Amino acid sequence: MFAVLKTGGKQYKVQSGDVLKVEKLAADAGEKVQFNEVLMLGGDKPVLGAPLVDGAAVQAEVVDQVKGDKLIHFVKRRRKHGSQRTKGHRQQLTLLRITEILEKGAEKSGVKAAIGAGSVAGVAAAVSEKPAKKAEKKAEKKADAPKKADAPKKAKKAEGGDDLKQLSGVGPALEKKLHEAGVTTFAQIAAWTEADVADMDEKLSFKGRIEREGWIEQAKEMTKG
């Protein structure tokens, strides 16, 4: 049995188990989607839609969001010096695996309808997800934020610490950042592991400065002295 479905302005003939690429859909990898625009059902008793087959649908699993082959578009106009242009484009596509073809009962399946990412409905769905994601990020930031009660402890610790400005590239601003992160002595820096360096890079946006400036080696030398 096969079906002819319509999506993204194109028609596709599919069977259960087929893998195909279609215009990008508003869905994540692993999600199940349903195409309700079925133009024809084939098999022992073919059914033609007018223009769609009532109650029919094609269900598929989203494998991944991918990009198509690069297309080169070159424009050159005659008798106009310098009027030429080359543009490259890779179309955004969704890789699908067809799981089931329904002859009827599509409206009762409960599976999410396949919506194009560039359609009005797809854009509206993406916009509605943004406030929820922002709320989640705010909650995470609040949970990770240091408590006010910890501030005095950090200040006291910094008073009895080392002068971190002796490290290459460390000024008052960077030293303050390190103190706020609880780093006040050369011994702490000398004991950093690769995981600690990556964590500090991410937390304080050092962008590889620690390894580039050689802070760990410098800190080890200073602890020896």
N, C-alpha and C. Protein backbone atom coordinates (compact mmCIF):
# COMPACT_ATOMS: atom_id res chain seq x y z
N MET A 1 0.84 -1.19 0.00
CA MET A 1 0.00 0.00 0.00
C MET A 1 0.88 1.25 0.00
N PHE A 2 0.48 2.26 -0.77
CA PHE A 2 1.22 3.50 -0.80
C PHE A 2 0.25 4.67 -0.71
N ALA A 3 0.82 5.85 -0.48
CA ALA A 3 0.01 7.06 -0.42
C ALA A 3 0.76 8.19 -1.10
N VAL A 4 0.01 9.16 -1.60
CA VAL A 4 0.60 10.37 -2.16
C VAL A 4 0.21 11.52 -1.25
N LEU A 5 1.20 12.11 -0.60
CA LEU A 5 0.93 13.20 0.34
C LEU A 5 1.47 14.52 -0.20
N LYS A 6 0.98 15.59 0.37
CA LYS A 6 1.41 16.92 -0.05
C LYS A 6 1.96 17.67 1.16
N THR A 7 3.17 18.26 1.00
CA THR A 7 3.75 19.08 2.05
C THR A 7 4.79 20.00 1.42
N GLY A 8 4.85 21.23 1.92
CA GLY A 8 5.82 22.19 1.40
C GLY A 8 5.66 22.51 -0.07
N GLY A 9 4.41 22.38 -0.59
CA GLY A 9 4.17 22.67 -1.99
C GLY A 9 4.61 21.57 -2.93
N LYS A 10 5.00 20.41 -2.39
CA LYS A 10 5.44 19.27 -3.21
C LYS A 10 4.63 18.04 -2.88
N GLN A 11 4.63 17.08 -3.80
CA GLN A 11 3.91 15.81 -3.60
C GLN A 11 4.93 14.68 -3.51
N TYR A 12 4.65 13.73 -2.61
CA TYR A 12 5.56 12.60 -2.40
C TYR A 12 4.76 11.29 -2.38
N LYS A 13 5.26 10.30 -3.10
CA LYS A 13 4.66 8.96 -3.07
C LYS A 13 5.44 8.16 -2.02
N VAL A 14 4.78 7.67 -0.99
CA VAL A 14 5.47 7.02 0.13
C VAL A 14 4.83 5.69 0.49
N GLN A 15 5.63 4.84 1.11
CA GLN A 15 5.18 3.58 1.69
C GLN A 15 5.72 3.49 3.11
N SER A 16 5.15 2.61 3.91
CA SER A 16 5.62 2.43 5.28
C SER A 16 7.07 1.98 5.27
N GLY A 17 7.91 2.65 6.07
CA GLY A 17 9.33 2.32 6.13
C GLY A 17 10.20 3.21 5.27
N ASP A 18 9.61 4.00 4.37
CA ASP A 18 10.39 4.89 3.51
C ASP A 18 11.05 6.00 4.33
N VAL A 19 12.22 6.43 3.88
CA VAL A 19 12.91 7.57 4.48
C VAL A 19 12.99 8.66 3.41
N LEU A 20 12.54 9.86 3.73
CA LEU A 20 12.56 10.95 2.75
C LEU A 20 12.84 12.28 3.42
N LYS A 21 13.24 13.24 2.58
CA LYS A 21 13.51 14.60 3.04
C LYS A 21 12.42 15.51 2.50
N VAL A 22 11.86 16.34 3.40
CA VAL A 22 10.82 17.29 3.00
C VAL A 22 11.22 18.68 3.48
N GLU A 23 10.49 19.69 3.01
CA GLU A 23 10.73 21.06 3.48
C GLU A 23 10.63 21.09 5.00
N LYS A 24 11.47 21.90 5.64
CA LYS A 24 11.60 21.88 7.10
C LYS A 24 10.26 21.98 7.83
N LEU A 25 10.07 21.09 8.81
CA LEU A 25 8.86 21.06 9.63
C LEU A 25 9.15 21.61 11.02
N ALA A 26 8.11 22.12 11.67
CA ALA A 26 8.24 22.61 13.05
C ALA A 26 8.13 21.43 14.00
N ALA A 27 9.20 20.65 14.09
CA ALA A 27 9.21 19.46 14.95
C ALA A 27 10.66 19.10 15.27
N ASP A 28 10.87 18.48 16.43
CA ASP A 28 12.20 18.08 16.86
C ASP A 28 12.45 16.62 16.53
N ALA A 29 13.73 16.24 16.49
CA ALA A 29 14.11 14.85 16.23
C ALA A 29 13.48 13.93 17.28
N GLY A 30 12.93 12.82 16.82
CA GLY A 30 12.28 11.87 17.72
C GLY A 30 10.78 12.06 17.83
N GLU A 31 10.27 13.22 17.41
CA GLU A 31 8.82 13.47 17.46
C GLU A 31 8.10 12.71 16.35
N LYS A 32 6.83 12.43 16.61
CA LYS A 32 5.98 11.78 15.60
C LYS A 32 5.02 12.83 15.04
N VAL A 33 4.91 12.88 13.72
CA VAL A 33 4.03 13.87 13.08
C VAL A 33 3.10 13.17 12.11
N GLN A 34 2.04 13.88 11.75
CA GLN A 34 1.02 13.29 10.86
C GLN A 34 0.71 14.25 9.71
N PHE A 35 0.79 13.73 8.49
CA PHE A 35 0.44 14.50 7.29
C PHE A 35 -1.03 14.22 6.95
N ASN A 36 -1.84 15.26 7.02
CA ASN A 36 -3.27 15.08 6.78
C ASN A 36 -3.69 15.39 5.34
N GLU A 37 -2.77 15.95 4.56
CA GLU A 37 -3.08 16.24 3.15
C GLU A 37 -2.67 15.05 2.29
N VAL A 38 -3.55 14.07 2.19
CA VAL A 38 -3.30 12.86 1.38
C VAL A 38 -4.14 12.96 0.11
N LEU A 39 -3.47 12.93 -1.03
CA LEU A 39 -4.14 13.10 -2.32
C LEU A 39 -4.62 11.78 -2.91
N MET A 40 -3.96 10.68 -2.51
CA MET A 40 -4.32 9.37 -3.09
C MET A 40 -3.83 8.25 -2.20
N LEU A 41 -4.61 7.18 -2.16
CA LEU A 41 -4.21 5.95 -1.50
C LEU A 41 -4.14 4.86 -2.57
N GLY A 42 -3.02 4.14 -2.64
CA GLY A 42 -2.86 3.09 -3.64
C GLY A 42 -2.90 1.71 -2.99
N GLY A 43 -2.98 0.69 -3.81
CA GLY A 43 -3.05 -0.67 -3.32
C GLY A 43 -4.05 -1.48 -4.11
N ASP A 44 -4.71 -2.45 -3.46
CA ASP A 44 -5.72 -3.28 -4.15
C ASP A 44 -6.92 -2.45 -4.59
N LYS A 45 -7.30 -1.47 -3.75
CA LYS A 45 -8.43 -0.60 -4.08
C LYS A 45 -7.98 0.86 -4.01
N PRO A 46 -7.45 1.40 -5.09
CA PRO A 46 -6.96 2.78 -5.07
C PRO A 46 -8.10 3.77 -4.77
N VAL A 47 -7.76 4.82 -4.02
CA VAL A 47 -8.73 5.86 -3.68
C VAL A 47 -8.13 7.21 -4.07
N LEU A 48 -8.85 7.95 -4.90
CA LEU A 48 -8.42 9.27 -5.31
C LEU A 48 -9.16 10.34 -4.50
N GLY A 49 -8.44 11.35 -4.06
CA GLY A 49 -9.06 12.41 -3.28
C GLY A 49 -9.69 13.46 -4.17
N ALA A 50 -10.56 14.27 -3.56
CA ALA A 50 -11.24 15.31 -4.33
C ALA A 50 -11.22 16.65 -3.57
N PRO A 51 -10.12 17.32 -3.36
CA PRO A 51 -8.78 16.88 -3.77
C PRO A 51 -8.09 15.97 -2.75
N LEU A 52 -8.59 15.91 -1.50
CA LEU A 52 -7.97 15.08 -0.46
C LEU A 52 -8.85 13.88 -0.14
N VAL A 53 -8.21 12.83 0.37
CA VAL A 53 -8.93 11.63 0.79
C VAL A 53 -9.41 11.84 2.21
N ASP A 54 -10.72 11.81 2.43
CA ASP A 54 -11.29 12.05 3.76
C ASP A 54 -10.82 11.02 4.77
N GLY A 55 -10.35 11.52 5.93
CA GLY A 55 -9.96 10.63 7.03
C GLY A 55 -8.62 9.94 6.86
N ALA A 56 -7.96 10.12 5.72
CA ALA A 56 -6.68 9.46 5.48
C ALA A 56 -5.53 10.33 6.00
N ALA A 57 -4.42 9.69 6.36
CA ALA A 57 -3.25 10.42 6.85
C ALA A 57 -2.02 9.54 6.73
N VAL A 58 -0.87 10.17 6.78
CA VAL A 58 0.41 9.46 6.78
C VAL A 58 1.17 9.90 8.03
N GLN A 59 1.58 8.94 8.83
CA GLN A 59 2.32 9.24 10.05
C GLN A 59 3.81 8.95 9.84
N ALA A 60 4.65 9.78 10.45
CA ALA A 60 6.10 9.63 10.29
C ALA A 60 6.83 10.06 11.55
N GLU A 61 8.04 9.56 11.70
CA GLU A 61 8.91 9.94 12.82
C GLU A 61 10.00 10.86 12.30
N VAL A 62 10.24 11.96 13.00
CA VAL A 62 11.30 12.90 12.60
C VAL A 62 12.64 12.31 13.02
N VAL A 63 13.50 12.06 12.03
CA VAL A 63 14.83 11.50 12.30
C VAL A 63 15.81 12.61 12.66
N ASP A 64 15.80 13.71 11.87
CA ASP A 64 16.74 14.81 12.12
C ASP A 64 16.37 16.02 11.27
N GLN A 65 16.90 17.18 11.67
CA GLN A 65 16.79 18.40 10.87
C GLN A 65 18.11 18.55 10.12
N VAL A 66 18.07 18.58 8.78
CA VAL A 66 19.30 18.58 7.99
C VAL A 66 19.28 19.72 6.98
N LYS A 67 20.35 19.82 6.20
CA LYS A 67 20.43 20.80 5.12
C LYS A 67 20.67 20.07 3.80
N GLY A 68 20.08 20.61 2.73
CA GLY A 68 20.25 20.00 1.42
C GLY A 68 21.61 20.33 0.82
N ASP A 69 21.85 19.83 -0.40
CA ASP A 69 23.10 20.11 -1.10
C ASP A 69 23.21 21.60 -1.41
N LYS A 70 24.45 22.09 -1.47
CA LYS A 70 24.67 23.50 -1.74
C LYS A 70 24.34 23.82 -3.20
N LEU A 71 23.56 24.86 -3.41
CA LEU A 71 23.20 25.31 -4.74
C LEU A 71 23.92 26.63 -5.03
N ILE A 72 24.57 26.71 -6.17
CA ILE A 72 25.28 27.91 -6.55
C ILE A 72 24.44 28.70 -7.55
N HIS A 73 24.19 29.96 -7.23
CA HIS A 73 23.40 30.83 -8.10
C HIS A 73 24.31 31.94 -8.60
N PHE A 74 24.59 31.94 -9.92
CA PHE A 74 25.50 32.93 -10.50
C PHE A 74 24.72 33.83 -11.46
N VAL A 75 24.86 35.14 -11.27
CA VAL A 75 24.16 36.12 -12.11
C VAL A 75 25.21 37.01 -12.78
N LYS A 76 25.13 37.12 -14.08
CA LYS A 76 26.01 38.03 -14.82
C LYS A 76 25.20 38.71 -15.91
N ARG A 77 25.24 40.04 -15.91
CA ARG A 77 24.49 40.79 -16.90
C ARG A 77 25.42 41.31 -18.00
N ARG A 78 24.98 41.25 -19.20
CA ARG A 78 25.79 41.72 -20.33
C ARG A 78 25.93 43.25 -20.33
N ARG A 79 27.09 43.69 -20.80
CA ARG A 79 27.36 45.11 -21.01
C ARG A 79 27.29 45.96 -19.73
N LYS A 80 27.45 45.31 -18.58
CA LYS A 80 27.50 46.06 -17.32
C LYS A 80 28.72 45.57 -16.55
N HIS A 81 29.76 46.36 -16.55
CA HIS A 81 31.01 45.93 -15.94
C HIS A 81 30.84 45.73 -14.43
N GLY A 82 31.32 44.62 -13.97
CA GLY A 82 31.25 44.33 -12.53
C GLY A 82 29.89 43.87 -12.05
N SER A 83 28.94 43.71 -12.97
CA SER A 83 27.60 43.29 -12.53
C SER A 83 27.50 41.78 -12.58
N GLN A 84 28.15 41.15 -11.63
CA GLN A 84 28.04 39.70 -11.50
C GLN A 84 28.06 39.34 -10.02
N ARG A 85 27.40 38.25 -9.70
CA ARG A 85 27.23 37.89 -8.29
C ARG A 85 27.07 36.38 -8.16
N THR A 86 27.72 35.81 -7.14
CA THR A 86 27.60 34.39 -6.87
C THR A 86 27.04 34.21 -5.46
N LYS A 87 25.99 33.41 -5.35
CA LYS A 87 25.38 33.15 -4.04
C LYS A 87 25.27 31.65 -3.82
N GLY A 88 25.57 31.22 -2.61
CA GLY A 88 25.41 29.82 -2.24
C GLY A 88 24.22 29.66 -1.31
N HIS A 89 23.50 28.56 -1.44
CA HIS A 89 22.32 28.34 -0.59
C HIS A 89 22.18 26.86 -0.29
N ARG A 90 21.85 26.55 0.98
CA ARG A 90 21.55 25.17 1.38
C ARG A 90 20.17 25.16 2.02
N GLN A 91 19.24 24.49 1.40
CA GLN A 91 17.87 24.46 1.87
C GLN A 91 17.75 23.65 3.16
N GLN A 92 16.99 24.17 4.12
CA GLN A 92 16.76 23.45 5.37
C GLN A 92 15.67 22.40 5.14
N LEU A 93 15.97 21.17 5.55
CA LEU A 93 15.07 20.04 5.31
C LEU A 93 14.86 19.24 6.59
N THR A 94 13.81 18.43 6.58
CA THR A 94 13.54 17.52 7.70
C THR A 94 13.60 16.09 7.18
N LEU A 95 14.40 15.26 7.84
CA LEU A 95 14.53 13.85 7.46
C LEU A 95 13.50 13.03 8.22
N LEU A 96 12.67 12.29 7.48
CA LEU A 96 11.55 11.54 8.08
C LEU A 96 11.64 10.06 7.77
N ARG A 97 11.03 9.26 8.66
CA ARG A 97 10.83 7.84 8.38
C ARG A 97 9.33 7.56 8.47
N ILE A 98 8.73 7.11 7.38
CA ILE A 98 7.29 6.83 7.36
C ILE A 98 7.00 5.61 8.22
N THR A 99 6.08 5.77 9.16
CA THR A 99 5.77 4.67 10.09
C THR A 99 4.43 4.00 9.79
N GLU A 100 3.44 4.77 9.32
CA GLU A 100 2.11 4.18 9.12
C GLU A 100 1.28 5.00 8.14
N ILE A 101 0.44 4.31 7.36
CA ILE A 101 -0.50 4.97 6.47
C ILE A 101 -1.91 4.64 6.95
N LEU A 102 -2.67 5.66 7.29
CA LEU A 102 -4.03 5.47 7.79
C LEU A 102 -5.03 5.71 6.67
N GLU A 103 -5.93 4.74 6.46
CA GLU A 103 -6.98 4.90 5.44
C GLU A 103 -8.12 5.77 5.97
N LYS A 104 -8.32 5.73 7.30
CA LYS A 104 -9.38 6.54 7.92
C LYS A 104 -9.06 6.75 9.40
N GLY A 105 -9.82 7.65 10.03
CA GLY A 105 -9.64 7.91 11.46
C GLY A 105 -8.47 8.81 11.79
N ALA A 106 -8.02 9.61 10.82
CA ALA A 106 -6.87 10.47 11.06
C ALA A 106 -7.14 11.50 12.16
N GLU A 107 -8.38 12.01 12.20
CA GLU A 107 -8.71 13.06 13.17
C GLU A 107 -8.72 12.55 14.62
N LYS A 108 -8.78 11.22 14.81
CA LYS A 108 -8.83 10.65 16.16
C LYS A 108 -7.48 10.07 16.60
N SER A 109 -6.46 10.19 15.78
CA SER A 109 -5.18 9.54 16.09
C SER A 109 -4.44 10.23 17.25
N GLY A 110 -4.65 11.54 17.42
CA GLY A 110 -3.97 12.28 18.50
C GLY A 110 -2.52 12.61 18.21
N VAL A 111 -2.07 12.36 16.99
CA VAL A 111 -0.68 12.65 16.61
C VAL A 111 -0.58 14.09 16.11
N LYS A 112 0.50 14.77 16.47
CA LYS A 112 0.73 16.17 16.08
C LYS A 112 0.75 16.31 14.56
N ALA A 113 0.03 17.32 14.05
CA ALA A 113 -0.01 17.58 12.61
C ALA A 113 1.34 18.13 12.13
N ALA A 114 1.77 17.70 10.96
CA ALA A 114 3.03 18.18 10.38
C ALA A 114 2.82 19.60 9.84
N ILE A 115 3.53 20.56 10.41
CA ILE A 115 3.39 21.97 10.02
C ILE A 115 4.75 22.48 9.53
N GLY A 116 4.76 23.18 8.42
CA GLY A 116 5.99 23.75 7.90
C GLY A 116 6.56 24.79 8.85
N ALA A 117 7.90 24.78 9.02
CA ALA A 117 8.53 25.73 9.95
C ALA A 117 8.35 27.17 9.51
N GLY A 118 8.18 27.40 8.21
CA GLY A 118 8.01 28.76 7.72
C GLY A 118 6.57 29.20 7.59
N SER A 119 5.62 28.31 7.90
CA SER A 119 4.21 28.66 7.78
C SER A 119 3.78 29.54 8.95
N VAL A 120 2.61 30.16 8.82
CA VAL A 120 2.09 31.03 9.89
C VAL A 120 1.89 30.23 11.16
N ALA A 121 1.33 29.01 11.03
CA ALA A 121 1.09 28.17 12.20
C ALA A 121 2.40 27.74 12.85
N GLY A 122 3.41 27.42 12.01
CA GLY A 122 4.70 27.00 12.54
C GLY A 122 5.39 28.12 13.29
N VAL A 123 5.35 29.34 12.75
CA VAL A 123 5.95 30.50 13.43
C VAL A 123 5.24 30.78 14.74
N ALA A 124 3.90 30.68 14.73
CA ALA A 124 3.13 30.93 15.96
C ALA A 124 3.49 29.91 17.04
N ALA A 125 3.69 28.65 16.63
CA ALA A 125 4.06 27.61 17.59
C ALA A 125 5.43 27.89 18.19
N ALA A 126 6.38 28.35 17.35
CA ALA A 126 7.73 28.67 17.84
C ALA A 126 7.71 29.84 18.80
N VAL A 127 6.89 30.86 18.49
CA VAL A 127 6.79 32.05 19.34
C VAL A 127 6.20 31.68 20.70
N SER A 128 5.21 30.79 20.71
CA SER A 128 4.57 30.40 21.97
C SER A 128 5.51 29.62 22.87
N GLU A 129 6.53 28.96 22.27
CA GLU A 129 7.49 28.18 23.06
C GLU A 129 8.53 29.08 23.73
N LYS A 130 8.80 30.26 23.16
CA LYS A 130 9.85 31.13 23.68
C LYS A 130 9.61 31.59 25.11
N PRO A 131 8.38 32.08 25.46
CA PRO A 131 8.17 32.50 26.85
C PRO A 131 8.42 31.39 27.86
N ALA A 132 8.03 30.16 27.51
CA ALA A 132 8.24 29.04 28.42
C ALA A 132 9.73 28.78 28.62
N LYS A 133 10.52 28.87 27.54
CA LYS A 133 11.97 28.64 27.64
C LYS A 133 12.63 29.74 28.46
N LYS A 134 12.16 31.00 28.28
CA LYS A 134 12.71 32.11 29.05
C LYS A 134 12.45 31.93 30.54
N ALA A 135 11.23 31.48 30.87
CA ALA A 135 10.88 31.26 32.27
C ALA A 135 11.76 30.17 32.88
N GLU A 136 12.05 29.12 32.09
CA GLU A 136 12.91 28.04 32.59
C GLU A 136 14.33 28.56 32.86
N LYS A 137 14.85 29.39 31.92
CA LYS A 137 16.20 29.93 32.10
C LYS A 137 16.29 30.82 33.33
N LYS A 138 15.24 31.66 33.55
CA LYS A 138 15.23 32.53 34.73
C LYS A 138 15.24 31.71 36.01
N ALA A 139 14.46 30.62 36.02
CA ALA A 139 14.40 29.75 37.21
C ALA A 139 15.77 29.12 37.47
N GLU A 140 16.46 28.71 36.38
CA GLU A 140 17.79 28.11 36.54
C GLU A 140 18.79 29.12 37.09
N LYS A 141 18.72 30.37 36.57
CA LYS A 141 19.63 31.41 37.05
C LYS A 141 19.43 31.70 38.53
N LYS A 142 18.15 31.75 38.94
CA LYS A 142 17.85 32.01 40.36
C LYS A 142 18.40 30.90 41.24
N ALA A 143 18.27 29.65 40.75
CA ALA A 143 18.74 28.51 41.54
C ALA A 143 20.26 28.51 41.65
N ASP A 144 20.96 28.95 40.56
CA ASP A 144 22.42 28.95 40.56
C ASP A 144 23.01 30.19 41.20
N ALA A 145 22.22 31.25 41.40
CA ALA A 145 22.74 32.51 41.94
C ALA A 145 23.21 32.31 43.38
N PRO A 146 24.38 32.86 43.77
CA PRO A 146 24.87 32.71 45.15
C PRO A 146 23.99 33.47 46.13
N LYS A 147 23.83 32.94 47.31
CA LYS A 147 23.02 33.58 48.34
C LYS A 147 23.75 34.79 48.90
N LYS A 148 22.96 35.79 49.35
CA LYS A 148 23.54 37.01 49.92
C LYS A 148 24.36 36.70 51.15
N ALA A 149 23.96 35.67 51.89
CA ALA A 149 24.68 35.32 53.12
C ALA A 149 26.10 34.86 52.83
N ASP A 150 26.35 34.37 51.58
CA ASP A 150 27.68 33.89 51.24
C ASP A 150 28.62 35.03 50.87
N ALA A 151 28.09 36.22 50.57
CA ALA A 151 28.91 37.35 50.11
C ALA A 151 29.96 37.77 51.15
N PRO A 152 29.60 37.96 52.41
CA PRO A 152 30.61 38.36 53.40
C PRO A 152 31.75 37.36 53.51
N LYS A 153 31.43 36.05 53.43
CA LYS A 153 32.45 35.02 53.53
C LYS A 153 33.47 35.18 52.41
N LYS A 154 32.97 35.42 51.18
CA LYS A 154 33.86 35.56 50.04
C LYS A 154 34.74 36.79 50.20
N ALA A 155 34.17 37.89 50.73
CA ALA A 155 34.93 39.11 50.93
C ALA A 155 36.07 38.87 51.92
N LYS A 156 35.78 38.17 53.01
CA LYS A 156 36.81 37.90 54.01
C LYS A 156 37.91 37.03 53.45
N LYS A 157 37.50 36.06 52.61
CA LYS A 157 38.46 35.14 52.03
C LYS A 157 39.41 35.88 51.11
N ALA A 158 38.86 36.86 50.35
CA ALA A 158 39.66 37.62 49.40
C ALA A 158 40.69 38.48 50.12
N GLU A 159 40.35 38.97 51.32
CA GLU A 159 41.26 39.83 52.07
C GLU A 159 42.55 39.11 52.41
N GLY A 160 42.46 37.83 52.76
CA GLY A 160 43.65 37.08 53.15
C GLY A 160 44.25 36.29 52.03
N GLY A 161 43.84 36.55 50.80
CA GLY A 161 44.33 35.79 49.66
C GLY A 161 45.58 36.39 49.05
N ASP A 162 45.99 35.80 47.89
CA ASP A 162 47.18 36.28 47.17
C ASP A 162 46.81 37.41 46.23
N ASP A 163 47.85 38.11 45.77
CA ASP A 163 47.65 39.18 44.79
C ASP A 163 47.60 38.53 43.40
N LEU A 164 46.41 38.23 42.93
CA LEU A 164 46.24 37.51 41.66
C LEU A 164 46.62 38.38 40.47
N LYS A 165 46.80 39.66 40.69
CA LYS A 165 47.20 40.55 39.58
C LYS A 165 48.62 40.27 39.12
N GLN A 166 49.35 39.43 39.87
CA GLN A 166 50.70 39.05 39.46
C GLN A 166 50.67 38.08 38.28
N LEU A 167 49.52 37.47 38.04
CA LEU A 167 49.38 36.56 36.90
C LEU A 167 49.31 37.37 35.60
N SER A 168 49.85 36.80 34.55
CA SER A 168 49.87 37.48 33.25
C SER A 168 48.45 37.77 32.76
N GLY A 169 48.21 39.05 32.42
CA GLY A 169 46.92 39.43 31.84
C GLY A 169 45.82 39.66 32.86
N VAL A 170 46.12 39.54 34.16
CA VAL A 170 45.09 39.74 35.19
C VAL A 170 45.20 41.15 35.75
N GLY A 171 44.12 41.91 35.58
CA GLY A 171 44.04 43.24 36.15
C GLY A 171 43.02 43.26 37.28
N PRO A 172 42.71 44.45 37.80
CA PRO A 172 41.74 44.55 38.90
C PRO A 172 40.37 43.94 38.56
N ALA A 173 39.92 44.13 37.28
CA ALA A 173 38.59 43.63 36.89
C ALA A 173 38.57 42.10 36.90
N LEU A 174 39.63 41.48 36.32
CA LEU A 174 39.68 40.01 36.29
C LEU A 174 39.89 39.44 37.70
N GLU A 175 40.68 40.14 38.50
CA GLU A 175 40.89 39.67 39.86
C GLU A 175 39.56 39.67 40.63
N LYS A 176 38.76 40.71 40.41
CA LYS A 176 37.46 40.79 41.08
C LYS A 176 36.57 39.63 40.66
N LYS A 177 36.59 39.30 39.35
CA LYS A 177 35.80 38.17 38.87
C LYS A 177 36.23 36.87 39.54
N LEU A 178 37.54 36.68 39.66
CA LEU A 178 38.05 35.46 40.29
C LEU A 178 37.66 35.39 41.76
N HIS A 179 37.73 36.53 42.47
CA HIS A 179 37.32 36.56 43.87
C HIS A 179 35.85 36.20 44.01
N GLU A 180 35.03 36.75 43.11
CA GLU A 180 33.59 36.46 43.17
C GLU A 180 33.31 34.98 42.92
N ALA A 181 34.21 34.33 42.15
CA ALA A 181 34.05 32.90 41.89
C ALA A 181 34.68 32.05 43.00
N GLY A 182 35.21 32.72 44.05
CA GLY A 182 35.78 31.99 45.17
C GLY A 182 37.25 31.64 45.01
N VAL A 183 37.92 32.20 43.98
CA VAL A 183 39.34 31.93 43.73
C VAL A 183 40.16 33.10 44.29
N THR A 184 40.96 32.84 45.33
CA THR A 184 41.70 33.93 45.99
C THR A 184 43.19 33.64 46.14
N THR A 185 43.62 32.41 45.88
CA THR A 185 45.03 32.07 46.09
C THR A 185 45.63 31.40 44.85
N PHE A 186 46.97 31.48 44.77
CA PHE A 186 47.68 30.81 43.68
C PHE A 186 47.56 29.29 43.81
N ALA A 187 47.47 28.80 45.03
CA ALA A 187 47.37 27.36 45.25
C ALA A 187 46.11 26.79 44.60
N GLN A 188 45.02 27.54 44.68
CA GLN A 188 43.77 27.09 44.07
C GLN A 188 43.93 26.97 42.55
N ILE A 189 44.57 27.97 41.95
CA ILE A 189 44.75 27.97 40.49
C ILE A 189 45.71 26.85 40.08
N ALA A 190 46.77 26.65 40.86
CA ALA A 190 47.76 25.62 40.54
C ALA A 190 47.14 24.22 40.56
N ALA A 191 46.08 24.06 41.35
CA ALA A 191 45.43 22.73 41.47
C ALA A 191 44.31 22.52 40.46
N TRP A 192 44.06 23.46 39.58
CA TRP A 192 42.98 23.31 38.60
C TRP A 192 43.24 22.15 37.65
N THR A 193 42.17 21.40 37.37
CA THR A 193 42.21 20.34 36.37
C THR A 193 41.64 20.88 35.06
N GLU A 194 41.65 20.06 34.02
CA GLU A 194 41.08 20.47 32.73
C GLU A 194 39.59 20.81 32.88
N ALA A 195 38.91 20.03 33.72
CA ALA A 195 37.47 20.29 33.94
C ALA A 195 37.26 21.63 34.65
N ASP A 196 38.15 21.94 35.60
CA ASP A 196 38.05 23.22 36.31
C ASP A 196 38.28 24.39 35.36
N VAL A 197 39.26 24.23 34.46
CA VAL A 197 39.57 25.29 33.49
C VAL A 197 38.38 25.53 32.58
N ALA A 198 37.77 24.43 32.08
CA ALA A 198 36.61 24.56 31.20
C ALA A 198 35.45 25.22 31.93
N ASP A 199 35.28 24.87 33.22
CA ASP A 199 34.19 25.45 34.01
C ASP A 199 34.40 26.95 34.21
N MET A 200 35.63 27.35 34.52
CA MET A 200 35.93 28.77 34.71
C MET A 200 35.78 29.55 33.40
N ASP A 201 36.23 28.93 32.30
CA ASP A 201 36.08 29.57 30.98
C ASP A 201 34.62 29.88 30.69
N GLU A 202 33.76 28.91 31.02
CA GLU A 202 32.32 29.09 30.74
C GLU A 202 31.68 30.09 31.70
N LYS A 203 32.01 29.96 32.99
CA LYS A 203 31.39 30.83 34.00
C LYS A 203 31.78 32.29 33.82
N LEU A 204 33.07 32.53 33.59
CA LEU A 204 33.60 33.90 33.60
C LEU A 204 33.93 34.42 32.20
N SER A 205 33.58 33.64 31.16
CA SER A 205 33.80 34.07 29.77
C SER A 205 35.26 34.45 29.51
N PHE A 206 36.19 33.59 29.94
CA PHE A 206 37.62 33.87 29.74
C PHE A 206 38.07 33.57 28.31
N LYS A 207 37.30 32.76 27.58
CA LYS A 207 37.58 32.45 26.16
C LYS A 207 39.00 31.91 25.95
N GLY A 208 39.38 30.94 26.78
CA GLY A 208 40.69 30.30 26.61
C GLY A 208 41.86 31.07 27.20
N ARG A 209 41.58 32.17 27.92
CA ARG A 209 42.65 33.01 28.47
C ARG A 209 43.53 32.23 29.44
N ILE A 210 42.94 31.31 30.23
CA ILE A 210 43.69 30.60 31.27
C ILE A 210 44.86 29.83 30.65
N GLU A 211 44.56 29.06 29.59
CA GLU A 211 45.61 28.28 28.94
C GLU A 211 46.53 29.18 28.11
N ARG A 212 45.96 30.18 27.47
CA ARG A 212 46.74 31.06 26.61
C ARG A 212 47.80 31.83 27.40
N GLU A 213 47.42 32.31 28.58
CA GLU A 213 48.34 33.09 29.41
C GLU A 213 49.21 32.20 30.32
N GLY A 214 48.84 30.92 30.44
CA GLY A 214 49.63 30.01 31.27
C GLY A 214 49.49 30.26 32.76
N TRP A 215 48.26 30.52 33.23
CA TRP A 215 48.04 30.85 34.64
C TRP A 215 48.44 29.70 35.57
N ILE A 216 48.14 28.48 35.19
CA ILE A 216 48.39 27.34 36.09
C ILE A 216 49.89 27.20 36.33
N GLU A 217 50.70 27.28 35.26
CA GLU A 217 52.16 27.17 35.40
C GLU A 217 52.70 28.32 36.25
N GLN A 218 52.19 29.53 36.00
CA GLN A 218 52.65 30.69 36.79
C GLN A 218 52.29 30.52 38.27
N ALA A 219 51.06 30.03 38.52
CA ALA A 219 50.61 29.84 39.91
C ALA A 219 51.46 28.80 40.63
N LYS A 220 51.86 27.74 39.90
CA LYS A 220 52.72 26.71 40.51
C LYS A 220 54.08 27.30 40.91
N GLU A 221 54.63 28.14 40.03
CA GLU A 221 55.92 28.76 40.33
C GLU A 221 55.82 29.68 41.56
N MET A 222 54.67 30.42 41.62
CA MET A 222 54.52 31.35 42.73
C MET A 222 54.27 30.65 44.07
N THR A 223 53.65 29.50 44.03
CA THR A 223 53.44 28.73 45.28
C THR A 223 54.76 28.15 45.78
N LYS A 224 55.67 27.87 44.83
CA LYS A 224 56.99 27.36 45.25
C LYS A 224 57.77 28.43 46.02
N GLY A 225 57.65 29.68 45.47
CA GLY A 225 58.39 30.78 46.12
C GLY A 225 57.79 31.13 47.45
